[in-house]
Every structure is written in C-alpha cells, then in structure tokens.
Amino acid sequence: MSDAKNVPQTVPAEYGGKWLAWTKDAMRIVGVGDTPDDARLAAEKAGVTEIVYEWVPPSEERLVLISRGPAGEVSYLRRSRAAVVTVTM
C-alpha cells in the first residue's frame, strides 16, 4: 500500500482554467488565480514563497497525447466537447 503522504493533492475540477501555485515539492496547492501572478500572491498570502506553477485546462478540455517530432518540436492533442485540436510548438 502506498504512503498517502507521498501522493500529491488532487486538483479540484473548479480549478479548471486557472493557474495553480504548488509547494516546491509539487505535493500541495498553496495558491490559485487567473494568472501566475495571482497564484503567486495567493501563495505568499498563505506564507509560501518557494513555489512551482501549473496551468490547469478547463474541465471540458483535456490533454490527450504528447509527442516529440524529429526536429524536437512538441505536438499535443487537446480534446474538448467541440473538437480535437492538434497544436505544434
């Protein structure tokens, strides 16, 4: 059985479309906002200054595939209720 202390906090569905500030070990959400700065300010208000950021896709949109091409480009598919979109960066 795994140790519950080693499992990151579950991201609530209502955080979809938001920026999260996680503890440096990425185990606990300490700030949420519409921008990375908003999430950072919320984390600082909670007394946490060493954070990592994550943007959470809206609940109706999910990342379903990531691949790296021969030239190093990254492509991913986003699935939403309306369409599947391929994005290359």
C-alpha atoms as a PDB file:
ATOM      1  CA  MET A   1       0.000   0.000   0.000  1.00  0.00           C
ATOM      2  CA  SER A   2       1.388   3.456  -0.885  1.00  0.00           C
ATOM      3  CA  ASP A   3       2.051   6.097   1.720  1.00  0.00           C
ATOM      4  CA  ALA A   4      -0.639   8.816   1.483  1.00  0.00           C
ATOM      5  CA  LYS A   5       1.972  11.443   2.379  1.00  0.00           C
ATOM      6  CA  ASN A   6       3.662  10.780  -0.993  1.00  0.00           C
ATOM      7  CA  VAL A   7       0.540  11.450  -3.072  1.00  0.00           C
ATOM      8  CA  PRO A   8       0.064  14.966  -4.492  1.00  0.00           C
ATOM      9  CA  GLN A   9      -3.119  16.823  -3.677  1.00  0.00           C
ATOM     10  CA  THR A  10      -5.934  16.186  -6.152  1.00  0.00           C
ATOM     11  CA  VAL A  11      -6.757  19.221  -8.296  1.00  0.00           C
ATOM     12  CA  PRO A  12     -10.434  20.130  -7.814  1.00  0.00           C
ATOM     13  CA  ALA A  13     -12.495  20.456 -11.013  1.00  0.00           C
ATOM     14  CA  GLU A  14     -13.346  24.075 -10.184  1.00  0.00           C
ATOM     15  CA  TYR A  15      -9.670  24.973 -10.681  1.00  0.00           C
ATOM     16  CA  GLY A  16     -10.029  24.279 -14.426  1.00  0.00           C
ATOM     17  CA  GLY A  17      -8.779  27.234 -16.480  1.00  0.00           C
ATOM     18  CA  LYS A  18      -6.778  28.578 -13.518  1.00  0.00           C
ATOM     19  CA  TRP A  19      -3.117  28.860 -12.571  1.00  0.00           C
ATOM     20  CA  LEU A  20      -2.008  26.901  -9.517  1.00  0.00           C
ATOM     21  CA  ALA A  21       0.913  27.560  -7.214  1.00  0.00           C
ATOM     22  CA  TRP A  22       2.199  24.316  -5.707  1.00  0.00           C
ATOM     23  CA  THR A  23       4.667  23.783  -2.904  1.00  0.00           C
ATOM     24  CA  LYS A  24       8.196  23.297  -4.236  1.00  0.00           C
ATOM     25  CA  ASP A  25       7.780  19.506  -3.940  1.00  0.00           C
ATOM     26  CA  ALA A  26       4.540  19.753  -6.013  1.00  0.00           C
ATOM     27  CA  MET A  27       2.525  17.968  -3.328  1.00  0.00           C
ATOM     28  CA  ARG A  28       0.145  20.698  -2.110  1.00  0.00           C
ATOM     29  CA  ILE A  29      -1.715  23.548  -3.808  1.00  0.00           C
ATOM     30  CA  VAL A  30      -0.970  26.797  -1.975  1.00  0.00           C
ATOM     31  CA  GLY A  31      -2.421  29.382  -4.366  1.00  0.00           C
ATOM     32  CA  VAL A  32      -4.917  29.676  -7.222  1.00  0.00           C
ATOM     33  CA  GLY A  33      -5.502  32.537  -9.646  1.00  0.00           C
ATOM     34  CA  ASP A  34      -6.373  33.665 -13.141  1.00  0.00           C
ATOM     35  CA  THR A  35      -2.704  34.498 -13.812  1.00  0.00           C
ATOM     36  CA  PRO A  36       0.600  33.157 -12.482  1.00  0.00           C
ATOM     37  CA  ASP A  37       0.993  36.404 -10.505  1.00  0.00           C
ATOM     38  CA  ASP A  38      -2.430  35.922  -8.886  1.00  0.00           C
ATOM     39  CA  ALA A  39      -1.456  32.365  -7.876  1.00  0.00           C
ATOM     40  CA  ARG A  40       1.898  33.601  -6.522  1.00  0.00           C
ATOM     41  CA  LEU A  41       0.243  36.333  -4.472  1.00  0.00           C
ATOM     42  CA  ALA A  42      -2.215  33.809  -3.006  1.00  0.00           C
ATOM     43  CA  ALA A  43       0.694  31.504  -2.113  1.00  0.00           C
ATOM     44  CA  GLU A  44       2.599  34.367  -0.485  1.00  0.00           C
ATOM     45  CA  LYS A  45      -0.520  35.297   1.494  1.00  0.00           C
ATOM     46  CA  ALA A  46      -0.545  31.669   2.721  1.00  0.00           C
ATOM     47  CA  GLY A  47       3.086  32.106   3.784  1.00  0.00           C
ATOM     48  CA  VAL A  48       4.683  30.064   0.983  1.00  0.00           C
ATOM     49  CA  THR A  49       7.306  31.714  -1.238  1.00  0.00           C
ATOM     50  CA  GLU A  50       9.051  28.758  -2.923  1.00  0.00           C
ATOM     51  CA  ILE A  51       6.516  27.506  -5.455  1.00  0.00           C
ATOM     52  CA  VAL A  52       6.074  25.880  -8.846  1.00  0.00           C
ATOM     53  CA  TYR A  53       3.301  26.842 -11.292  1.00  0.00           C
ATOM     54  CA  GLU A  54       0.828  24.804 -13.280  1.00  0.00           C
ATOM     55  CA  TRP A  55      -1.977  25.846 -15.600  1.00  0.00           C
ATOM     56  CA  VAL A  56      -4.994  23.552 -15.387  1.00  0.00           C
ATOM     57  CA  PRO A  57      -7.045  23.053 -18.557  1.00  0.00           C
ATOM     58  CA  PRO A  58     -10.777  23.764 -18.273  1.00  0.00           C
ATOM     59  CA  SER A  59     -12.719  20.703 -17.130  1.00  0.00           C
ATOM     60  CA  GLU A  60     -14.221  20.238 -20.602  1.00  0.00           C
ATOM     61  CA  GLU A  61     -10.757  20.222 -22.206  1.00  0.00           C
ATOM     62  CA  ARG A  62      -8.062  17.635 -21.588  1.00  0.00           C
ATOM     63  CA  LEU A  63      -4.591  16.936 -22.915  1.00  0.00           C
ATOM     64  CA  VAL A  64      -4.731  13.503 -24.512  1.00  0.00           C
ATOM     65  CA  LEU A  65      -1.411  12.971 -26.338  1.00  0.00           C
ATOM     66  CA  ILE A  66       2.066  14.450 -26.396  1.00  0.00           C
ATOM     67  CA  SER A  67       4.760  13.604 -28.948  1.00  0.00           C
ATOM     68  CA  ARG A  68       8.160  14.962 -29.953  1.00  0.00           C
ATOM     69  CA  GLY A  69       8.988  15.195 -33.652  1.00  0.00           C
ATOM     70  CA  PRO A  70      12.353  14.534 -35.348  1.00  0.00           C
ATOM     71  CA  ALA A  71      13.321  18.218 -35.163  1.00  0.00           C
ATOM     72  CA  GLY A  72      12.485  18.387 -31.456  1.00  0.00           C
ATOM     73  CA  GLU A  73       9.106  20.069 -31.923  1.00  0.00           C
ATOM     74  CA  VAL A  74       6.427  19.132 -29.413  1.00  0.00           C
ATOM     75  CA  SER A  75       2.905  18.347 -30.573  1.00  0.00           C
ATOM     76  CA  TYR A  76      -0.095  17.628 -28.428  1.00  0.00           C
ATOM     77  CA  LEU A  77      -3.776  16.937 -28.884  1.00  0.00           C
ATOM     78  CA  ARG A  78      -6.346  18.775 -26.843  1.00  0.00           C
ATOM     79  CA  ARG A  79      -9.779  17.241 -26.635  1.00  0.00           C
ATOM     80  CA  SER A  80     -12.791  19.388 -25.848  1.00  0.00           C
ATOM     81  CA  ARG A  81     -16.509  18.886 -26.314  1.00  0.00           C
ATOM     82  CA  ALA A  82     -16.345  20.807 -29.595  1.00  0.00           C
ATOM     83  CA  ALA A  83     -13.265  19.406 -31.321  1.00  0.00           C
ATOM     84  CA  VAL A  84      -9.880  17.754 -31.153  1.00  0.00           C
ATOM     85  CA  VAL A  85      -7.132  20.294 -31.810  1.00  0.00           C
ATOM     86  CA  THR A  86      -3.527  19.472 -32.713  1.00  0.00           C
ATOM     87  CA  VAL A  87      -1.004  22.078 -31.582  1.00  0.00           C
ATOM     88  CA  THR A  88       2.678  22.089 -32.558  1.00  0.00           C
ATOM     89  CA  MET A  89       5.194  24.204 -30.656  1.00  0.00           C
END
